[in-house]
């Protein structure tokens, strides 16, 4: 098996000193699955102080017998490796942490306290050490608790969410008795710190199978202790014969996951219609009404994000996305397509959030299951937003290091068309050669252009205007081509 040499070096150093040491846990599982492990863990018979003596640059700052060993060779990829002493754990009174952590005498005793059989495999020179049948469960694609499932979940209720995550990440199923134990003990999740629940939820949402993960959380009874508001949409019709609100939210999330959108977009997609069940009204024109569901949904989203201890900044952003996901845009309707209306939306949402707002709207639309590609209207809106957000790239007299006041002051003239014509010529010249945009040079050119007759200057300005329009047309055409719009 392809084990990094820095991991092999740590194991070899421990064994040379007379201790037993094994690569263990999720990295062994991934190796057996042919997946490149992201993290590497070593378990050993050495006590933390003995590990520290062998690896002086390491540090030990926890109560769980885990020493972080630093690797400093230039040949090594991993900067740190966690090395944990064989350990046994006492009761979990708070259903979150062991009341006490003690030393275990054997590897088997250490493996017995782990969560799932597929994570309770150690690797020795002679091959895997697998006292709980983890290799067989890998073959059967099962997530099975080590020993008695109820005991494992009573110890740490977050393991129930972890079972869901592993199942969808690995495309496994949760073993029947393990699943029944989760359903029985789902309420214990309330004893787990919200930050830990949040982090596990994020891991689920960031998988390609995020939709299946949320569905599975619901099926085993965990979702009601995480985001119960989502379940309010179960069985509530969204559009006649086109999905229920629950289904639509999950489809929107799924599109975000399949498109590899950011966590913020995926969270907003999952929650964008969370306010619909509470705002469902009468049917008009064969459509249910959900007046104000964007406002109600934003308030509910704030409560959800706060409950799960998301940061203030992230909460504020997701709430803005949910609040404004219904923005109006119609290519054929002038009132909805003016630059000023788009600028107002940008001010409300924030320049930095506009790209994600468009992605959310795409998730919403694609979550209806109707279009096979992003609708033209949304692509056209993306074009308009990018065009406005990059207006500083458009050729305008503002690019010049002189202005109309400078022209009037240098030539001693009153306001009139001559000023605009001179600025037009200057703009065209600096577009052709940006190095000419130096105040001294521009002032000299103003003096020379001021000597021309009105007819000569008008002809020069007309030519300059044509060139400038071509540059702007080329800029706009590139943005249109990016979004396949006319």
Foldseek 3Di string as FASTA:
>chain_A
DDDFVVVVVLQVLQVVVPKHKWWFFPCVLCVLVVHHDPATEMEIQDFLVRSCVSQVVWDDDDQQQWIWHADDDPVGDDGTHIYHYQWAFAAQPLQAAGPHIGHDDDLVRSLQLDFWQSGSWIADPVGIDRPQCNSVCSVQQETETRDQLLRNCSNHVCVLLVRLLSCVQSVGYYDDRNLQSCLVCLVSCLSYPLQSVLVSLLSLLLALVNLVSCVSCVVSPNVCVQQVLLVLQVPDCQAVVQDTSSLLLSQLLNVCSNVSHDSLLSLLSNQLQSQQSVQWDDDDPRGTDRPPSLVVSLVSLLVSCVSSPHDPVSNVLSSLLSNCLPQDFDPPDVVSDDLVNVVVNCVSNPVVNVVSSLSNNQSSVVSSVDDPDRDQRSLVVQLSSVCVVVVVPQQDLVLAPDALVLLCVLLVDDDDVLSVLLSLLVSLVCVVPVVCRDVVSSSVSSVVLSVDDPVVSVVSSVVSVVSSVVVNVVVSVVSCVVSVHD
